[in-house]
C-alpha atoms as a PDB file:
ATOM      1  CA  MET A   1      17.889 -24.149   9.918  1.00  0.00           C
ATOM      2  CA  LYS A   2      15.781 -21.672   7.968  1.00  0.00           C
ATOM      3  CA  PHE A   3      13.553 -21.142  11.017  1.00  0.00           C
ATOM      4  CA  ARG A   4      16.568 -20.294  13.208  1.00  0.00           C
ATOM      5  CA  ILE A   5      17.854 -17.854  10.584  1.00  0.00           C
ATOM      6  CA  ALA A   6      14.505 -16.090  10.342  1.00  0.00           C
ATOM      7  CA  THR A   7      14.206 -15.942  14.142  1.00  0.00           C
ATOM      8  CA  ALA A   8      17.677 -14.440  14.466  1.00  0.00           C
ATOM      9  CA  TRP A   9      16.858 -11.877  11.775  1.00  0.00           C
ATOM     10  CA  HIS A  10      13.740 -10.762  13.619  1.00  0.00           C
ATOM     11  CA  THR A  11      15.620 -10.621  16.927  1.00  0.00           C
ATOM     12  CA  LEU A  12      18.247  -8.383  15.344  1.00  0.00           C
ATOM     13  CA  ALA A  13      15.504  -6.095  14.047  1.00  0.00           C
ATOM     14  CA  VAL A  14      14.061  -5.716  17.535  1.00  0.00           C
ATOM     15  CA  LEU A  15      17.458  -4.964  19.037  1.00  0.00           C
ATOM     16  CA  LEU A  16      18.347  -2.411  16.380  1.00  0.00           C
ATOM     17  CA  LEU A  17      15.085  -0.487  16.473  1.00  0.00           C
ATOM     18  CA  LEU A  18      12.979  -0.596  19.620  1.00  0.00           C
ATOM     19  CA  GLY A  19       9.725   0.134  17.874  1.00  0.00           C
ATOM     20  CA  GLY A  20       6.320   0.136  19.501  1.00  0.00           C
ATOM     21  CA  THR A  21       3.823  -2.562  18.675  1.00  0.00           C
ATOM     22  CA  ALA A  22       1.266  -1.612  16.050  1.00  0.00           C
ATOM     23  CA  GLN A  23      -2.382  -2.307  16.748  1.00  0.00           C
ATOM     24  CA  ALA A  24      -3.930  -5.272  14.980  1.00  0.00           C
ATOM     25  CA  SER A  25      -6.015  -4.625  11.876  1.00  0.00           C
ATOM     26  CA  LEU A  26      -9.610  -5.755  11.506  1.00  0.00           C
ATOM     27  CA  GLY A  27      -8.540  -8.666   9.320  1.00  0.00           C
ATOM     28  CA  ASP A  28      -6.217  -9.999  12.016  1.00  0.00           C
ATOM     29  CA  ARG A  29      -9.143 -10.303  14.429  1.00  0.00           C
ATOM     30  CA  LEU A  30     -11.465 -12.216  12.095  1.00  0.00           C
ATOM     31  CA  PRO A  31     -12.234 -15.655  13.607  1.00  0.00           C
ATOM     32  CA  ASP A  32     -12.073 -17.209  10.119  1.00  0.00           C
ATOM     33  CA  PHE A  33      -8.554 -15.864   9.645  1.00  0.00           C
ATOM     34  CA  LYS A  34      -7.338 -17.051  13.048  1.00  0.00           C
ATOM     35  CA  ASP A  35      -8.809 -20.518  12.498  1.00  0.00           C
ATOM     36  CA  CYS A  36      -7.310 -20.742   9.007  1.00  0.00           C
ATOM     37  CA  VAL A  37      -3.816 -19.850  10.238  1.00  0.00           C
ATOM     38  CA  GLN A  38      -4.049 -22.331  13.103  1.00  0.00           C
ATOM     39  CA  VAL A  39      -5.180 -25.186  10.842  1.00  0.00           C
ATOM     40  CA  CYS A  40      -2.501 -24.337   8.263  1.00  0.00           C
ATOM     41  CA  LYS A  41       0.285 -24.364  10.854  1.00  0.00           C
ATOM     42  CA  GLU A  42      -0.865 -27.681  12.302  1.00  0.00           C
ATOM     43  CA  ALA A  43      -0.990 -29.244   8.833  1.00  0.00           C
ATOM     44  CA  ASN A  44       2.172 -27.778   7.292  1.00  0.00           C
ATOM     45  CA  CYS A  45       4.614 -26.531   9.923  1.00  0.00           C
ATOM     46  CA  GLY A  46       5.631 -29.775  11.610  1.00  0.00           C
ATOM     47  CA  PRO A  47       8.888 -31.704  11.141  1.00  0.00           C
ATOM     48  CA  ASP A  48       7.537 -33.177   7.893  1.00  0.00           C
ATOM     49  CA  GLY A  49       5.877 -29.964   6.788  1.00  0.00           C
ATOM     50  CA  THR A  50       5.468 -28.560   3.314  1.00  0.00           C
ATOM     51  CA  SER A  51       8.727 -27.333   1.763  1.00  0.00           C
ATOM     52  CA  ILE A  52       9.100 -23.680   0.789  1.00  0.00           C
ATOM     53  CA  PRO A  53      10.625 -22.742  -2.608  1.00  0.00           C
ATOM     54  CA  PHE A  54      14.216 -21.539  -2.438  1.00  0.00           C
ATOM     55  CA  HIS A  55      13.533 -18.046  -3.829  1.00  0.00           C
ATOM     56  CA  ARG A  56      11.009 -17.442  -1.059  1.00  0.00           C
ATOM     57  CA  ARG A  57      13.351 -18.716   1.624  1.00  0.00           C
ATOM     58  CA  LEU A  58      15.926 -16.236   0.340  1.00  0.00           C
ATOM     59  CA  LEU A  59      13.443 -13.494   1.238  1.00  0.00           C
ATOM     60  CA  LEU A  60      12.897 -15.068   4.678  1.00  0.00           C
ATOM     61  CA  TRP A  61       9.516 -16.626   4.058  1.00  0.00           C
ATOM     62  CA  ASP A  62       8.959 -19.394   6.608  1.00  0.00           C
ATOM     63  CA  CYS A  63       6.040 -21.725   7.292  1.00  0.00           C
ATOM     64  CA  PRO A  64       4.086 -19.401   9.652  1.00  0.00           C
ATOM     65  CA  SER A  65       4.418 -16.460   7.252  1.00  0.00           C
ATOM     66  CA  GLU A  66       3.347 -18.704   4.348  1.00  0.00           C
ATOM     67  CA  CYS A  67       0.239 -19.695   6.313  1.00  0.00           C
ATOM     68  CA  ASP A  68      -0.475 -16.073   7.176  1.00  0.00           C
ATOM     69  CA  TYR A  69      -0.185 -14.992   3.529  1.00  0.00           C
ATOM     70  CA  THR A  70      -2.277 -17.891   2.225  1.00  0.00           C
ATOM     71  CA  CYS A  71      -5.038 -17.387   4.782  1.00  0.00           C
ATOM     72  CA  GLN A  72      -5.262 -13.670   4.031  1.00  0.00           C
ATOM     73  CA  HIS A  73      -6.219 -14.490   0.464  1.00  0.00           C
ATOM     74  CA  ILE A  74      -8.472 -17.422   1.360  1.00  0.00           C
ATOM     75  CA  VAL A  75     -10.482 -15.295   3.788  1.00  0.00           C
ATOM     76  CA  THR A  76     -10.566 -12.323   1.392  1.00  0.00           C
ATOM     77  CA  ALA A  77     -11.789 -14.530  -1.484  1.00  0.00           C
ATOM     78  CA  GLN A  78     -14.518 -15.979   0.740  1.00  0.00           C
ATOM     79  CA  ARG A  79     -15.670 -12.523   1.791  1.00  0.00           C
ATOM     80  CA  LEU A  80     -15.724 -11.285  -1.814  1.00  0.00           C
ATOM     81  CA  ALA A  81     -17.766 -14.324  -2.895  1.00  0.00           C
ATOM     82  CA  ARG A  82     -20.411 -13.912  -0.184  1.00  0.00           C
ATOM     83  CA  ASP A  83     -24.013 -13.414  -1.322  1.00  0.00           C
ATOM     84  CA  PRO A  84     -25.360 -10.991  -0.227  1.00  0.00           C
ATOM     85  CA  PRO A  85     -22.054  -9.070  -0.307  1.00  0.00           C
ATOM     86  CA  TYR A  86     -20.412  -7.474   2.703  1.00  0.00           C
ATOM     87  CA  MET A  87     -20.415  -3.683   2.988  1.00  0.00           C
ATOM     88  CA  GLN A  88     -16.616  -3.905   3.331  1.00  0.00           C
ATOM     89  CA  PRO A  89     -15.460  -7.246   1.943  1.00  0.00           C
ATOM     90  CA  ILE A  90     -11.709  -6.534   1.959  1.00  0.00           C
ATOM     91  CA  TYR A  91      -9.963  -5.937   5.276  1.00  0.00           C
ATOM     92  CA  GLN A  92      -6.384  -5.037   6.054  1.00  0.00           C
ATOM     93  CA  PHE A  93      -4.114  -7.574   7.746  1.00  0.00           C
ATOM     94  CA  HIS A  94      -1.240  -6.362   9.929  1.00  0.00           C
ATOM     95  CA  GLY A  95      -1.858  -2.806   8.754  1.00  0.00           C
ATOM     96  CA  LYS A  96      -1.677  -3.655   5.034  1.00  0.00           C
ATOM     97  CA  TRP A  97      -4.058  -4.708   2.296  1.00  0.00           C
ATOM     98  CA  PRO A  98      -3.752  -8.300   1.037  1.00  0.00           C
ATOM     99  CA  PHE A  99      -1.479  -8.174  -2.024  1.00  0.00           C
ATOM    100  CA  TYR A 100      -0.578 -10.949  -4.408  1.00  0.00           C
ATOM    101  CA  ARG A 101       3.152 -11.501  -4.212  1.00  0.00           C
ATOM    102  CA  PHE A 102       5.485 -12.204  -7.129  1.00  0.00           C
ATOM    103  CA  MET A 103       8.764 -14.109  -6.789  1.00  0.00           C
ATOM    104  CA  GLY A 104       8.470 -13.631  -3.048  1.00  0.00           C
ATOM    105  CA  MET A 105       8.004  -9.853  -3.290  1.00  0.00           C
ATOM    106  CA  GLN A 106       5.013  -8.762  -1.236  1.00  0.00           C
ATOM    107  CA  GLU A 107       4.140  -5.667  -3.283  1.00  0.00           C
ATOM    108  CA  PRO A 108       5.773  -6.076  -6.707  1.00  0.00           C
ATOM    109  CA  PHE A 109       4.173  -2.997  -8.282  1.00  0.00           C
ATOM    110  CA  SER A 110       5.344  -0.807  -5.404  1.00  0.00           C
ATOM    111  CA  VAL A 111       8.845  -2.223  -5.861  1.00  0.00           C
ATOM    112  CA  ILE A 112       8.726  -1.402  -9.584  1.00  0.00           C
ATOM    113  CA  PHE A 113       7.477   2.151  -9.038  1.00  0.00           C
ATOM    114  CA  SER A 114      10.100   2.703  -6.342  1.00  0.00           C
ATOM    115  CA  LEU A 115      12.737   1.510  -8.806  1.00  0.00           C
ATOM    116  CA  PHE A 116      11.437   3.994 -11.408  1.00  0.00           C
ATOM    117  CA  ASN A 117      11.740   6.796  -8.853  1.00  0.00           C
ATOM    118  CA  TYR A 118      15.262   5.664  -7.975  1.00  0.00           C
ATOM    119  CA  LEU A 119      16.284   5.675 -11.642  1.00  0.00           C
ATOM    120  CA  ALA A 120      14.666   9.088 -12.172  1.00  0.00           C
ATOM    121  CA  HIS A 121      16.672  10.510  -9.266  1.00  0.00           C
ATOM    122  CA  ASP A 122      19.864   8.915 -10.568  1.00  0.00           C
ATOM    123  CA  TRP A 123      19.245  10.359 -14.045  1.00  0.00           C
ATOM    124  CA  GLY A 124      18.537  13.795 -12.580  1.00  0.00           C
ATOM    125  CA  MET A 125      21.766  13.733 -10.593  1.00  0.00           C
ATOM    126  CA  SER A 126      23.753  12.840 -13.701  1.00  0.00           C
ATOM    127  CA  GLN A 127      22.204  15.857 -15.453  1.00  0.00           C
ATOM    128  CA  LEU A 128      23.148  18.078 -12.520  1.00  0.00           C
ATOM    129  CA  ARG A 129      26.750  16.907 -12.579  1.00  0.00           C
ATOM    130  CA  ASP A 130      27.000  17.456 -16.338  1.00  0.00           C
ATOM    131  CA  LYS A 131      25.206  20.797 -16.673  1.00  0.00           C
ATOM    132  CA  ILE A 132      25.733  22.683 -13.416  1.00  0.00           C
ATOM    133  CA  PRO A 133      29.309  23.808 -12.693  1.00  0.00           C
ATOM    134  CA  ALA A 134      30.887  22.806  -9.389  1.00  0.00           C
ATOM    135  CA  SER A 135      31.323  26.496  -8.551  1.00  0.00           C
ATOM    136  CA  TYR A 136      27.555  27.073  -8.374  1.00  0.00           C
ATOM    137  CA  PRO A 137      26.795  27.462  -4.635  1.00  0.00           C
ATOM    138  CA  LEU A 138      23.475  25.592  -4.695  1.00  0.00           C
ATOM    139  CA  ARG A 139      24.846  22.584  -6.566  1.00  0.00           C
ATOM    140  CA  LYS A 140      25.758  20.658  -3.418  1.00  0.00           C
ATOM    141  CA  TYR A 141      22.237  21.106  -2.036  1.00  0.00           C
ATOM    142  CA  TYR A 142      20.751  19.752  -5.254  1.00  0.00           C
ATOM    143  CA  LEU A 143      23.044  16.732  -5.110  1.00  0.00           C
ATOM    144  CA  TRP A 144      22.292  16.037  -1.458  1.00  0.00           C
ATOM    145  CA  PHE A 145      18.603  16.204  -2.304  1.00  0.00           C
ATOM    146  CA  GLY A 146      19.325  13.488  -4.854  1.00  0.00           C
ATOM    147  CA  TYR A 147      21.316  11.341  -2.407  1.00  0.00           C
ATOM    148  CA  VAL A 148      18.525  11.493   0.176  1.00  0.00           C
ATOM    149  CA  GLY A 149      16.015  10.600  -2.534  1.00  0.00           C
ATOM    150  CA  LEU A 150      18.110   7.625  -3.670  1.00  0.00           C
ATOM    151  CA  ALA A 151      18.286   6.344  -0.089  1.00  0.00           C
ATOM    152  CA  SER A 152      14.549   6.831   0.358  1.00  0.00           C
ATOM    153  CA  TRP A 153      13.609   4.858  -2.744  1.00  0.00           C
ATOM    154  CA  THR A 154      16.167   2.154  -1.966  1.00  0.00           C
ATOM    155  CA  PHE A 155      14.582   1.511   1.426  1.00  0.00           C
ATOM    156  CA  SER A 156      11.158   1.695  -0.204  1.00  0.00           C
ATOM    157  CA  MET A 157      12.126  -1.118  -2.578  1.00  0.00           C
ATOM    158  CA  ILE A 158      13.437  -3.204   0.318  1.00  0.00           C
ATOM    159  CA  PHE A 159      10.335  -2.633   2.443  1.00  0.00           C
ATOM    160  CA  HIS A 160       7.865  -3.449  -0.317  1.00  0.00           C
ATOM    161  CA  THR A 161       9.851  -6.569  -1.149  1.00  0.00           C
ATOM    162  CA  ARG A 162       9.535  -7.885   2.416  1.00  0.00           C
ATOM    163  CA  ASP A 163       7.673  -6.162   5.203  1.00  0.00           C
ATOM    164  CA  PHE A 164       9.434  -6.647   8.534  1.00  0.00           C
ATOM    165  CA  GLY A 165       9.614  -4.306  11.500  1.00  0.00           C
ATOM    166  CA  LEU A 166      13.130  -3.213  10.552  1.00  0.00           C
ATOM    167  CA  THR A 167      12.450  -2.683   6.832  1.00  0.00           C
ATOM    168  CA  GLU A 168       9.283  -0.733   7.659  1.00  0.00           C
ATOM    169  CA  LYS A 169      11.137   1.602  10.018  1.00  0.00           C
ATOM    170  CA  LEU A 170      13.985   2.192   7.578  1.00  0.00           C
ATOM    171  CA  ASP A 171      11.463   2.988   4.843  1.00  0.00           C
ATOM    172  CA  TYR A 172       9.509   5.413   7.034  1.00  0.00           C
ATOM    173  CA  PHE A 173      12.614   7.124   8.415  1.00  0.00           C
ATOM    174  CA  ALA A 174      14.153   7.512   4.955  1.00  0.00           C
ATOM    175  CA  ALA A 175      10.884   8.867   3.542  1.00  0.00           C
ATOM    176  CA  GLY A 176      10.677  11.318   6.445  1.00  0.00           C
ATOM    177  CA  ALA A 177      14.239  12.457   5.777  1.00  0.00           C
ATOM    178  CA  ASN A 178      13.393  12.966   2.108  1.00  0.00           C
ATOM    179  CA  VAL A 179      10.347  15.102   2.915  1.00  0.00           C
ATOM    180  CA  LEU A 180      12.199  17.098   5.570  1.00  0.00           C
ATOM    181  CA  TYR A 181      15.142  17.745   3.263  1.00  0.00           C
ATOM    182  CA  GLY A 182      12.673  19.243   0.796  1.00  0.00           C
ATOM    183  CA  LEU A 183      11.595  21.684   3.502  1.00  0.00           C
ATOM    184  CA  TYR A 184      15.216  22.252   4.550  1.00  0.00           C
ATOM    185  CA  TYR A 185      16.279  23.183   1.035  1.00  0.00           C
ATOM    186  CA  ALA A 186      13.265  25.361   0.155  1.00  0.00           C
ATOM    187  CA  PRO A 187      14.162  28.427   2.306  1.00  0.00           C
ATOM    188  CA  ILE A 188      17.833  28.053   1.368  1.00  0.00           C
ATOM    189  CA  ARG A 189      16.871  28.588  -2.272  1.00  0.00           C
ATOM    190  CA  VAL A 190      13.970  30.991  -1.738  1.00  0.00           C
ATOM    191  CA  PHE A 191      15.856  33.298   0.646  1.00  0.00           C
ATOM    192  CA  ARG A 192      19.353  32.449  -0.691  1.00  0.00           C
ATOM    193  CA  LEU A 193      20.725  31.433   2.684  1.00  0.00           C
ATOM    194  CA  ASP A 194      23.686  29.928   0.827  1.00  0.00           C
ATOM    195  CA  ARG A 195      25.219  33.351   0.199  1.00  0.00           C
ATOM    196  CA  LYS A 196      28.379  34.241   2.111  1.00  0.00           C
ATOM    197  CA  GLU A 197      26.823  36.999   4.174  1.00  0.00           C
ATOM    198  CA  PRO A 198      27.282  36.841   7.972  1.00  0.00           C
ATOM    199  CA  ARG A 199      23.574  37.154   8.742  1.00  0.00           C
ATOM    200  CA  LYS A 200      22.527  34.556   6.176  1.00  0.00           C
ATOM    201  CA  GLN A 201      25.268  32.176   7.265  1.00  0.00           C
ATOM    202  CA  SER A 202      24.046  32.447  10.861  1.00  0.00           C
ATOM    203  CA  LEU A 203      20.477  31.769   9.745  1.00  0.00           C
ATOM    204  CA  LEU A 204      21.676  28.800   7.701  1.00  0.00           C
ATOM    205  CA  ARG A 205      23.456  27.259  10.699  1.00  0.00           C
ATOM    206  CA  LEU A 206      20.406  27.842  12.887  1.00  0.00           C
ATOM    207  CA  TRP A 207      18.067  26.357  10.275  1.00  0.00           C
ATOM    208  CA  THR A 208      20.339  23.343   9.739  1.00  0.00           C
ATOM    209  CA  GLY A 209      20.544  22.664  13.466  1.00  0.00           C
ATOM    210  CA  LEU A 210      16.776  22.993  13.854  1.00  0.00           C
ATOM    211  CA  CYS A 211      16.052  20.518  11.043  1.00  0.00           C
ATOM    212  CA  ILE A 212      18.555  17.982  12.397  1.00  0.00           C
ATOM    213  CA  THR A 213      17.050  18.299  15.878  1.00  0.00           C
ATOM    214  CA  LEU A 214      13.477  17.901  14.629  1.00  0.00           C
ATOM    215  CA  TYR A 215      14.369  14.840  12.577  1.00  0.00           C
ATOM    216  CA  THR A 216      16.236  13.253  15.483  1.00  0.00           C
ATOM    217  CA  LEU A 217      13.288  13.823  17.829  1.00  0.00           C
ATOM    218  CA  HIS A 218      10.915  12.426  15.202  1.00  0.00           C
ATOM    219  CA  VAL A 219      12.926   9.208  14.880  1.00  0.00           C
ATOM    220  CA  LEU A 220      13.354   8.852  18.644  1.00  0.00           C
ATOM    221  CA  TYR A 221       9.635   9.361  19.257  1.00  0.00           C
ATOM    222  CA  LEU A 222       8.659   6.681  16.756  1.00  0.00           C
ATOM    223  CA  SER A 223      11.405   4.284  17.871  1.00  0.00           C
ATOM    224  CA  LEU A 224      11.270   4.603  21.642  1.00  0.00           C
ATOM    225  CA  TRP A 225       7.878   6.024  22.522  1.00  0.00           C
ATOM    226  CA  SER A 226       5.122   5.087  20.085  1.00  0.00           C
ATOM    227  CA  TRP A 227       5.087   3.695  16.548  1.00  0.00           C
ATOM    228  CA  ASP A 228       2.181   5.942  15.612  1.00  0.00           C
ATOM    229  CA  TYR A 229       1.118   5.735  11.949  1.00  0.00           C
ATOM    230  CA  THR A 230      -1.284   8.668  12.274  1.00  0.00           C
ATOM    231  CA  TYR A 231       1.370  10.930  13.773  1.00  0.00           C
ATOM    232  CA  ASN A 232       3.947   9.885  11.178  1.00  0.00           C
ATOM    233  CA  MET A 233       1.565  10.622   8.307  1.00  0.00           C
ATOM    234  CA  ALA A 234       0.486  13.948   9.837  1.00  0.00           C
ATOM    235  CA  ALA A 235       4.105  15.016  10.412  1.00  0.00           C
ATOM    236  CA  ASN A 236       5.129  14.230   6.837  1.00  0.00           C
ATOM    237  CA  VAL A 237       2.058  15.904   5.354  1.00  0.00           C
ATOM    238  CA  ALA A 238       2.594  19.041   7.469  1.00  0.00           C
ATOM    239  CA  VAL A 239       6.255  19.299   6.463  1.00  0.00           C
ATOM    240  CA  GLY A 240       5.411  18.659   2.813  1.00  0.00           C
ATOM    241  CA  VAL A 241       2.635  21.262   2.771  1.00  0.00           C
ATOM    242  CA  VAL A 242       4.898  23.961   4.253  1.00  0.00           C
ATOM    243  CA  ALA A 243       7.620  23.205   1.698  1.00  0.00           C
ATOM    244  CA  ASN A 244       5.113  23.216  -1.156  1.00  0.00           C
ATOM    245  CA  LEU A 245       3.635  26.530  -0.022  1.00  0.00           C
ATOM    246  CA  LEU A 246       7.121  28.047  -0.017  1.00  0.00           C
ATOM    247  CA  TRP A 247       7.756  26.826  -3.556  1.00  0.00           C
ATOM    248  CA  SER A 248       4.349  28.004  -4.765  1.00  0.00           C
ATOM    249  CA  GLY A 249       4.903  31.476  -3.329  1.00  0.00           C
ATOM    250  CA  PHE A 250       8.416  31.606  -4.773  1.00  0.00           C
ATOM    251  CA  SER A 251       7.150  30.549  -8.195  1.00  0.00           C
ATOM    252  CA  TYR A 252       4.425  33.207  -8.170  1.00  0.00           C
ATOM    253  CA  VAL A 253       6.811  35.989  -7.112  1.00  0.00           C
ATOM    254  CA  GLN A 254       9.357  35.000  -9.762  1.00  0.00           C
ATOM    255  CA  TYR A 255       6.702  34.929 -12.460  1.00  0.00           C
ATOM    256  CA  GLN A 256       5.422  38.367 -11.438  1.00  0.00           C
ATOM    257  CA  LYS A 257       8.971  39.694 -11.451  1.00  0.00           C
ATOM    258  CA  ILE A 258      10.256  38.376 -14.789  1.00  0.00           C
ATOM    259  CA  GLY A 259       7.093  37.308 -16.625  1.00  0.00           C
ATOM    260  CA  ARG A 260       8.703  34.189 -18.110  1.00  0.00           C
ATOM    261  CA  THR A 261       6.729  30.963 -18.431  1.00  0.00           C
ATOM    262  CA  TRP A 262       9.549  28.821 -17.046  1.00  0.00           C
ATOM    263  CA  ALA A 263       9.268  30.695 -13.747  1.00  0.00           C
ATOM    264  CA  VAL A 264       5.995  28.893 -12.987  1.00  0.00           C
ATOM    265  CA  TRP A 265       7.622  25.464 -13.346  1.00  0.00           C
ATOM    266  CA  PRO A 266       8.274  25.033  -9.584  1.00  0.00           C
ATOM    267  CA  GLY A 267       4.606  25.792  -8.932  1.00  0.00           C
ATOM    268  CA  LEU A 268       3.508  23.197 -11.489  1.00  0.00           C
ATOM    269  CA  CYS A 269       5.823  20.617  -9.920  1.00  0.00           C
ATOM    270  CA  VAL A 270       4.318  21.418  -6.524  1.00  0.00           C
ATOM    271  CA  ALA A 271       0.789  20.927  -7.871  1.00  0.00           C
ATOM    272  CA  TRP A 272       1.809  17.560  -9.296  1.00  0.00           C
ATOM    273  CA  ILE A 273       3.400  16.529  -5.983  1.00  0.00           C
ATOM    274  CA  ILE A 274       0.231  17.473  -4.091  1.00  0.00           C
ATOM    275  CA  LEU A 275      -1.804  15.332  -6.497  1.00  0.00           C
ATOM    276  CA  ALA A 276       0.567  12.400  -5.991  1.00  0.00           C
ATOM    277  CA  MET A 277       0.419  12.821  -2.196  1.00  0.00           C
ATOM    278  CA  SER A 278      -3.382  12.864  -2.265  1.00  0.00           C
ATOM    279  CA  LEU A 279      -3.377   9.504  -4.061  1.00  0.00           C
ATOM    280  CA  GLU A 280      -1.320   8.009  -1.245  1.00  0.00           C
ATOM    281  CA  LEU A 281      -3.604   9.479   1.416  1.00  0.00           C
ATOM    282  CA  LEU A 282      -6.647   7.844  -0.218  1.00  0.00           C
ATOM    283  CA  ASP A 283      -5.895   4.381   1.108  1.00  0.00           C
ATOM    284  CA  PHE A 284      -8.279   1.984  -0.608  1.00  0.00           C
ATOM    285  CA  PRO A 285      -7.872  -1.735  -1.443  1.00  0.00           C
ATOM    286  CA  PRO A 286      -5.402  -2.541  -4.229  1.00  0.00           C
ATOM    287  CA  TRP A 287      -6.785  -3.037  -7.718  1.00  0.00           C
ATOM    288  CA  LYS A 288      -7.180  -6.798  -8.221  1.00  0.00           C
ATOM    289  CA  GLY A 289      -4.935  -7.318  -5.198  1.00  0.00           C
ATOM    290  CA  LYS A 290      -1.920  -5.977  -7.107  1.00  0.00           C
ATOM    291  CA  LEU A 291      -1.770  -2.207  -7.646  1.00  0.00           C
ATOM    292  CA  PRO A 292      -1.787  -0.137  -4.420  1.00  0.00           C
ATOM    293  CA  THR A 293      -2.801   3.502  -4.027  1.00  0.00           C
ATOM    294  CA  ALA A 294       0.797   4.272  -3.069  1.00  0.00           C
ATOM    295  CA  GLY A 295       1.772   2.878  -6.469  1.00  0.00           C
ATOM    296  CA  TYR A 296      -0.213   5.588  -8.252  1.00  0.00           C
ATOM    297  CA  GLY A 297       1.509   8.228  -6.136  1.00  0.00           C
ATOM    298  CA  ALA A 298       4.954   6.733  -6.667  1.00  0.00           C
ATOM    299  CA  GLY A 299       4.321   6.442 -10.400  1.00  0.00           C
ATOM    300  CA  ALA A 300       3.273  10.075 -10.572  1.00  0.00           C
ATOM    301  CA  GLY A 301       6.359  11.023  -8.581  1.00  0.00           C
ATOM    302  CA  ALA A 302       8.621   9.118 -10.948  1.00  0.00           C
ATOM    303  CA  TRP A 303       7.152  10.990 -13.940  1.00  0.00           C
ATOM    304  CA  LYS A 304       7.699  14.309 -12.161  1.00  0.00           C
ATOM    305  CA  ASP A 305      11.287  13.425 -11.186  1.00  0.00           C
ATOM    306  CA  LYS A 306      12.158  12.409 -14.755  1.00  0.00           C
ATOM    307  CA  ASN A 307      10.714  15.600 -16.209  1.00  0.00           C
END
């Protein structure tokens, strides 16, 4: 029964999001890994195969995925123990580094850091509701920024708990929406497009339509044409850099105008965000198979969001 449930879940994912097939990682093509998975399936995945703990079955672990996970770590341990050592002992499998799971969660530290970011966003939104009056014209944009952030970190928690095609796409699309909303909001605040002036209202409608169109095309390209990790990363970095440049310029102009220290705060936040982004771009093996580079970036982001 559990195999039929898992198969139906994967079929639903394919029907919902027609994503392209990602290229295999180097680890997937290792003969040792292929042989290990084959032997494991033959030994454990028959009618009288090894039972899977209930908490893992809840997260849709089945016998083939158990074999895949186990063999990743067997092969990685063998490569690390080789004498003389390999130049690159740790390989990625299925586009990801081999992590040690916890309670069925594939990347527990990433789940924890995503939760911290979620809580930081939720706390920030509560502060906005308490301290900024409803009459303030930019309040709704702040709150929507928070809602998009909450959605992004929710899907991040789901994806890092269990990596399927559907959870990966939802995580990437939500993260893209979060980054793009940052760019969408920046000129609204910098150039005060929220003001009830005919010209600014026209620019706001044009800018809103452009951002919606770009995001829709981005999702359609990844879903229907090519699930391209390089393009997705480049698109998010480009959008983030433009938004950060706008905030840096705005911070500098405000500081020159009023000479108050608090005016440089947006620029300092931008610098911190750039540092966090750079940690995620430096994709190296997780520390002791547990702490990923994305975890450092997410942790830094959570600190920034809380402060």
